[in-house]
Amino acid sequence: MQRRNREINIFSMSALDLFASGMGAFILIAILLFPYFPHTGDSADTDALKQALEDANASADAQSATIEELQRQLAEALKLLAEKPEPVPVPKPAPIPKPVPEPKPVPGSKTQFPDMDLVLMLDVTGSMGKSLSALKREIVSFVSVTDKLSNSIGIGIVAYGDRQYQRPVTVHPLRRISDSPQNFNRLRQFVNSLQLRHGIGGGRNDDTPEALYAGLKQAVSSQWRPEVEQRMIVVITDATGYPEERNATLNLAKKFVSSKKSRVSVLFVTPDEPVPLDLKDLARSGKGTVVEGGTSLTAGILQAILVD
């Protein structure tokens, strides 16, 4: 019979298993409770670590706020861009045409009037005192104006009165004024020599009509220059001609204006009376115009010349 071993062994396998299990449990509990163990290091290091953590958090918050602000501004900019209307194209202005320079006037040229011959038929009966005085005052300025308005103008005067006069008609021949100073001096001397009832002689004038036909006949037969563009007769009066000579007077005017650019106009010098029908018919037959008084003699004659 085998003898039993009665020696006590504390390191049996059962004891080792128990010891290992207890140690493992202790380690596990220590690991779980480790975060709750009080820190026994330096307090200054702890405070610095806390401040660093706080600064990091503050910086993160600031960056987050900055990012949010930038995102907000970007959103607003995109919104405004979407709402901004398309720019309207501005049309280019049309090019301004270059001004055409006006032709330079030729020195000494006069183009307002064409080359013209003008005969003034002046009634010198007793009622024409104002007109005769005006012609004497204005003859110098009238000749100066007309000479400036035309390259070539000739002026003649037919002074007529009544057919009962010893000399019903007195004539200053038609001459171009600018040809020589003597032509102008002769014209001025003739005008200054005129008087009311000029040429009456031993005759008388006890009727209203005047020697209109005799005056027009003399004016039509003037020595018109063949090269001029216009021939003009202006009758300056306050009375008609003799009734029995009316048709002859109108036919004479029609015959005169049938050739070249010829006209017969009337300047009726009485502003407060209507123009007699016979004088209107004379201007109509002569393709001219009727100018009523109330203005200067020079202005009235110029208006009578300006016929369309």
Protein backbone atom coordinates (compact mmCIF):
# COMPACT_ATOMS: atom_id res chain seq x y z
CA MET A 1 0.00 0.00 0.00
CA GLN A 2 1.32 3.27 -1.20
CA ARG A 3 2.07 5.82 1.41
CA ARG A 4 0.18 9.12 1.22
CA ASN A 5 2.14 12.39 0.91
CA ARG A 6 1.09 14.63 3.68
CA GLU A 7 3.30 17.73 2.73
CA ILE A 8 1.39 21.03 2.43
CA ASN A 9 1.99 22.83 -0.99
CA ILE A 10 0.81 26.48 -1.12
CA PHE A 11 1.58 26.89 -4.76
CA SER A 12 -0.91 24.48 -6.11
CA MET A 13 -2.63 25.20 -9.44
CA SER A 14 -5.82 26.15 -7.68
CA ALA A 15 -4.08 28.78 -5.65
CA LEU A 16 -2.40 30.23 -8.72
CA ASP A 17 -5.70 30.51 -10.57
CA LEU A 18 -7.24 32.33 -7.68
CA PHE A 19 -4.35 34.73 -7.43
CA ALA A 20 -4.39 35.53 -11.17
CA SER A 21 -8.11 36.18 -11.17
CA GLY A 22 -7.84 38.56 -8.23
CA MET A 23 -4.95 40.45 -9.79
CA GLY A 24 -6.82 40.87 -13.07
CA ALA A 25 -9.87 42.20 -11.27
CA PHE A 26 -7.71 44.71 -9.41
CA ILE A 27 -6.03 45.96 -12.58
CA LEU A 28 -9.38 46.37 -14.32
CA ILE A 29 -10.84 48.33 -11.41
CA ALA A 30 -7.72 50.51 -11.27
CA ILE A 31 -7.98 51.33 -14.96
CA LEU A 32 -11.65 52.28 -14.66
CA LEU A 33 -11.03 54.47 -11.64
CA PHE A 34 -7.82 56.05 -12.86
CA PRO A 35 -9.46 59.30 -14.29
CA TYR A 36 -11.00 59.99 -10.89
CA PHE A 37 -7.72 59.87 -8.98
CA PRO A 38 -6.64 63.37 -7.82
CA HIS A 39 -3.73 64.97 -9.67
CA THR A 40 -0.75 65.43 -7.48
CA GLY A 41 1.45 67.36 -9.94
CA ASP A 42 2.42 71.08 -9.89
CA SER A 43 -0.60 73.53 -9.72
CA ALA A 44 1.11 76.11 -12.01
CA ASP A 45 1.29 73.56 -14.81
CA THR A 46 -2.37 72.83 -14.34
CA ASP A 47 -3.37 76.52 -14.54
CA ALA A 48 -1.29 77.03 -17.70
CA LEU A 49 -2.90 74.01 -19.27
CA LYS A 50 -6.36 75.32 -18.41
CA GLN A 51 -5.53 78.81 -19.86
CA ALA A 52 -4.23 77.24 -23.05
CA LEU A 53 -7.40 75.23 -23.37
CA GLU A 54 -9.53 78.36 -22.79
CA ASP A 55 -7.51 80.38 -25.35
CA ALA A 56 -7.85 77.60 -27.88
CA ASN A 57 -11.59 77.48 -27.32
CA ALA A 58 -11.86 81.30 -27.61
CA SER A 59 -9.82 81.28 -30.82
CA ALA A 60 -11.99 78.53 -32.21
CA ASP A 61 -15.14 80.50 -31.30
CA ALA A 62 -13.70 83.64 -32.93
CA GLN A 63 -12.76 81.77 -36.07
CA SER A 64 -16.20 80.22 -36.18
CA ALA A 65 -17.81 83.67 -35.85
CA THR A 66 -15.55 85.04 -38.55
CA ILE A 67 -16.42 82.18 -40.86
CA GLU A 68 -20.13 82.71 -40.20
CA GLU A 69 -19.79 86.48 -40.93
CA LEU A 70 -17.94 85.78 -44.17
CA GLN A 71 -20.59 83.28 -45.18
CA ARG A 72 -23.31 85.87 -44.45
CA GLN A 73 -21.56 88.55 -46.51
CA LEU A 74 -21.04 86.12 -49.38
CA ALA A 75 -24.73 85.21 -49.34
CA GLU A 76 -25.75 88.89 -49.43
CA ALA A 77 -23.34 89.60 -52.30
CA LEU A 78 -24.73 86.67 -54.29
CA LYS A 79 -28.25 87.91 -53.64
CA LEU A 80 -27.45 91.43 -54.81
CA LEU A 81 -25.72 90.10 -57.87
CA ALA A 82 -28.74 88.02 -58.75
CA GLU A 83 -31.09 91.01 -58.32
CA LYS A 84 -28.90 93.51 -60.30
CA PRO A 85 -30.47 94.13 -63.75
CA GLU A 86 -28.56 93.59 -66.90
CA PRO A 87 -26.74 96.74 -67.95
CA VAL A 88 -28.55 98.57 -70.76
CA PRO A 89 -26.24 99.07 -73.69
CA VAL A 90 -25.74 102.77 -74.36
CA PRO A 91 -26.01 103.47 -78.08
CA LYS A 92 -23.07 105.21 -79.55
CA PRO A 93 -23.85 108.80 -80.52
CA ALA A 94 -24.14 109.43 -84.20
CA PRO A 95 -21.07 111.10 -85.59
CA ILE A 96 -21.49 114.84 -85.85
CA PRO A 97 -21.18 115.88 -89.46
CA LYS A 98 -18.48 118.35 -90.14
CA PRO A 99 -19.91 121.80 -90.86
CA VAL A 100 -19.72 122.81 -94.44
CA PRO A 101 -17.83 126.07 -94.59
CA GLU A 102 -19.74 128.89 -96.16
CA PRO A 103 -18.22 130.21 -99.32
CA LYS A 104 -16.12 133.24 -98.69
CA PRO A 105 -17.59 136.35 -100.26
CA VAL A 106 -15.69 137.78 -103.14
CA PRO A 107 -14.37 141.20 -102.16
CA GLY A 108 -16.64 143.88 -103.52
CA SER A 109 -19.35 141.42 -104.62
CA LYS A 110 -23.03 142.41 -104.24
CA THR A 111 -25.54 139.64 -104.69
CA GLN A 112 -28.63 140.79 -102.78
CA PHE A 113 -30.16 142.41 -105.89
CA PRO A 114 -29.62 141.33 -109.48
CA ASP A 115 -28.24 143.75 -112.01
CA MET A 116 -31.06 146.25 -112.33
CA ASP A 117 -32.25 149.38 -114.10
CA LEU A 118 -34.68 151.41 -112.00
CA VAL A 119 -36.83 154.34 -113.14
CA LEU A 120 -38.66 156.35 -110.47
CA MET A 121 -41.87 157.95 -111.74
CA LEU A 122 -42.48 160.84 -109.33
CA ASP A 123 -45.75 162.78 -109.25
CA VAL A 124 -44.79 166.48 -108.72
CA THR A 125 -48.27 167.99 -108.52
CA GLY A 126 -49.19 170.28 -105.61
CA SER A 127 -50.23 167.53 -103.17
CA MET A 128 -46.88 165.73 -103.38
CA GLY A 129 -44.83 168.19 -101.32
CA LYS A 130 -43.87 165.71 -98.58
CA SER A 131 -42.74 163.06 -101.04
CA LEU A 132 -40.66 165.52 -103.05
CA SER A 133 -38.98 166.84 -99.89
CA ALA A 134 -38.30 163.26 -98.73
CA LEU A 135 -36.72 162.38 -102.07
CA LYS A 136 -34.42 165.40 -101.84
CA ARG A 137 -33.40 164.39 -98.30
CA GLU A 138 -32.97 160.70 -99.01
CA ILE A 139 -31.57 160.62 -102.53
CA VAL A 140 -27.97 160.29 -101.32
CA SER A 141 -28.71 157.45 -98.88
CA PHE A 142 -31.04 155.74 -101.37
CA VAL A 143 -28.40 155.67 -104.08
CA SER A 144 -25.80 154.47 -101.56
CA VAL A 145 -28.03 151.60 -100.36
CA THR A 146 -29.05 150.40 -103.79
CA ASP A 147 -25.47 150.60 -105.06
CA LYS A 148 -24.37 148.34 -102.18
CA LEU A 149 -27.18 145.85 -102.83
CA SER A 150 -26.42 145.33 -106.48
CA ASN A 151 -23.32 144.85 -108.58
CA SER A 152 -24.78 147.09 -111.24
CA ILE A 153 -27.74 149.43 -110.85
CA GLY A 154 -28.87 152.22 -113.13
CA ILE A 155 -31.28 154.93 -111.93
CA GLY A 156 -33.44 157.33 -113.93
CA ILE A 157 -36.21 159.71 -112.88
CA VAL A 158 -39.38 160.75 -114.65
CA ALA A 159 -41.12 163.72 -112.98
CA TYR A 160 -44.70 164.08 -114.22
CA GLY A 161 -47.51 166.49 -113.40
CA ASP A 162 -50.77 167.29 -115.12
CA ARG A 163 -51.37 167.11 -118.86
CA GLN A 164 -52.41 170.76 -118.73
CA TYR A 165 -48.85 171.69 -117.77
CA GLN A 166 -46.78 173.35 -120.46
CA ARG A 167 -44.24 170.54 -119.89
CA PRO A 168 -46.11 167.61 -118.27
CA VAL A 169 -43.02 165.37 -118.07
CA THR A 170 -39.41 166.13 -117.09
CA VAL A 171 -36.80 163.37 -117.44
CA HIS A 172 -33.40 162.56 -116.00
CA PRO A 173 -31.99 159.83 -118.26
CA LEU A 174 -31.26 156.36 -116.96
CA ARG A 175 -27.58 155.96 -116.08
CA ARG A 176 -25.49 153.50 -114.17
CA ILE A 177 -24.56 155.33 -110.97
CA SER A 178 -21.28 153.55 -110.28
CA ASP A 179 -19.81 154.29 -113.69
CA SER A 180 -18.53 157.69 -112.57
CA PRO A 181 -19.06 160.22 -109.75
CA GLN A 182 -20.49 162.62 -112.32
CA ASN A 183 -23.51 160.36 -112.85
CA PHE A 184 -24.40 160.57 -109.18
CA ASN A 185 -23.80 164.32 -109.02
CA ARG A 186 -26.07 164.91 -112.02
CA LEU A 187 -28.79 162.78 -110.46
CA ARG A 188 -28.60 164.67 -107.17
CA GLN A 189 -28.65 168.04 -108.92
CA PHE A 190 -31.71 167.02 -110.91
CA VAL A 191 -33.60 165.92 -107.79
CA ASN A 192 -32.70 169.12 -105.92
CA SER A 193 -33.92 171.21 -108.85
CA LEU A 194 -37.37 169.63 -108.85
CA GLN A 195 -40.27 171.69 -107.51
CA LEU A 196 -43.96 171.16 -107.03
CA ARG A 197 -45.87 171.69 -110.25
CA HIS A 198 -42.54 171.38 -112.06
CA GLY A 199 -43.03 172.21 -115.74
CA ILE A 200 -46.37 173.94 -115.24
CA GLY A 201 -45.36 176.95 -117.28
CA GLY A 202 -48.45 178.88 -118.22
CA GLY A 203 -50.74 175.92 -117.72
CA ARG A 204 -53.09 175.11 -114.89
CA ASN A 205 -54.17 172.11 -112.85
CA ASP A 206 -57.77 172.32 -111.75
CA ASP A 207 -58.62 168.58 -111.93
CA THR A 208 -57.74 165.53 -109.84
CA PRO A 209 -56.31 163.07 -112.40
CA GLU A 210 -52.67 163.41 -113.38
CA ALA A 211 -50.60 162.70 -116.49
CA LEU A 212 -49.91 159.10 -115.45
CA TYR A 213 -50.03 157.73 -118.98
CA ALA A 214 -47.61 160.34 -120.31
CA GLY A 215 -45.17 159.63 -117.49
CA LEU A 216 -45.37 155.85 -117.97
CA LYS A 217 -44.88 156.20 -121.72
CA GLN A 218 -41.69 158.14 -121.12
CA ALA A 219 -40.47 155.67 -118.48
CA VAL A 220 -41.06 152.64 -120.73
CA SER A 221 -39.06 154.25 -123.54
CA SER A 222 -35.99 154.77 -121.32
CA GLN A 223 -32.59 153.59 -122.57
CA TRP A 224 -32.63 150.26 -120.77
CA ARG A 225 -29.34 148.42 -120.73
CA PRO A 226 -29.67 145.17 -122.68
CA GLU A 227 -27.43 143.19 -120.29
CA VAL A 228 -29.36 143.81 -117.05
CA GLU A 229 -31.43 141.05 -115.47
CA GLN A 230 -34.30 143.21 -114.25
CA ARG A 231 -36.06 146.38 -115.36
CA MET A 232 -38.14 148.16 -112.76
CA ILE A 233 -40.54 151.14 -112.81
CA VAL A 234 -41.88 152.47 -109.48
CA VAL A 235 -44.75 154.97 -109.68
CA ILE A 236 -44.75 157.34 -106.66
CA THR A 237 -48.08 159.17 -106.49
CA ASP A 238 -51.27 159.96 -104.56
CA ALA A 239 -53.66 160.11 -107.53
CA THR A 240 -54.78 158.14 -110.57
CA GLY A 241 -54.44 158.99 -114.23
CA TYR A 242 -57.13 160.23 -116.54
CA PRO A 243 -60.05 157.80 -116.87
CA GLU A 244 -60.01 157.93 -120.67
CA GLU A 245 -56.34 156.89 -120.62
CA ARG A 246 -56.83 154.01 -118.21
CA ASN A 247 -56.88 151.18 -120.78
CA ALA A 248 -53.94 152.62 -122.69
CA THR A 249 -51.98 152.88 -119.43
CA LEU A 250 -52.69 149.24 -118.46
CA ASN A 251 -51.88 147.94 -121.96
CA LEU A 252 -48.61 149.86 -121.92
CA ALA A 253 -47.67 148.20 -118.61
CA LYS A 254 -48.55 144.74 -119.95
CA LYS A 255 -46.46 145.28 -123.08
CA PHE A 256 -43.51 146.44 -120.99
CA VAL A 257 -43.45 143.36 -118.77
CA SER A 258 -43.87 140.92 -121.65
CA SER A 259 -40.13 140.92 -122.34
CA LYS A 260 -37.28 140.18 -119.95
CA LYS A 261 -37.89 140.36 -116.18
CA SER A 262 -39.69 143.71 -116.11
CA ARG A 263 -42.01 145.06 -113.43
CA VAL A 264 -44.21 148.06 -112.70
CA SER A 265 -44.96 148.72 -109.00
CA VAL A 266 -46.85 151.50 -107.23
CA LEU A 267 -45.96 153.42 -104.05
CA PHE A 268 -49.15 155.13 -102.85
CA VAL A 269 -47.95 157.84 -100.47
CA THR A 270 -51.23 158.73 -98.71
CA PRO A 271 -51.45 156.46 -95.65
CA ASP A 272 -54.97 157.42 -94.54
CA GLU A 273 -56.73 156.71 -97.83
CA PRO A 274 -57.38 153.42 -99.63
CA VAL A 275 -55.35 152.72 -102.73
CA PRO A 276 -57.42 153.58 -105.81
CA LEU A 277 -58.48 150.64 -107.94
CA ASP A 278 -56.80 152.04 -111.05
CA LEU A 279 -53.40 152.01 -109.29
CA LYS A 280 -53.95 148.44 -108.07
CA ASP A 281 -54.79 147.40 -111.62
CA LEU A 282 -51.65 149.13 -112.87
CA ALA A 283 -49.46 147.14 -110.47
CA ARG A 284 -51.31 143.93 -111.38
CA SER A 285 -50.85 144.55 -115.10
CA GLY A 286 -47.20 145.36 -114.49
CA LYS A 287 -46.65 142.14 -112.44
CA GLY A 288 -45.51 144.32 -109.56
CA THR A 289 -46.79 145.20 -106.13
CA VAL A 290 -48.57 148.02 -104.30
CA VAL A 291 -46.85 149.59 -101.29
CA GLU A 292 -48.90 151.87 -99.05
CA GLY A 293 -47.44 154.97 -97.42
CA GLY A 294 -46.58 155.48 -93.78
CA THR A 295 -42.89 154.73 -94.06
CA SER A 296 -39.82 156.50 -95.39
CA LEU A 297 -39.59 157.01 -99.12
CA THR A 298 -36.43 154.91 -99.36
CA ALA A 299 -38.05 152.00 -97.49
CA GLY A 300 -41.18 152.24 -99.64
CA ILE A 301 -39.19 152.14 -102.88
CA LEU A 302 -37.16 149.16 -101.67
CA GLN A 303 -40.35 147.30 -100.80
CA ALA A 304 -41.72 148.06 -104.27
CA ILE A 305 -38.55 146.64 -105.83
CA LEU A 306 -38.68 143.38 -103.86
CA VAL A 307 -41.18 141.51 -105.99
CA ASP A 308 -41.32 137.69 -105.88
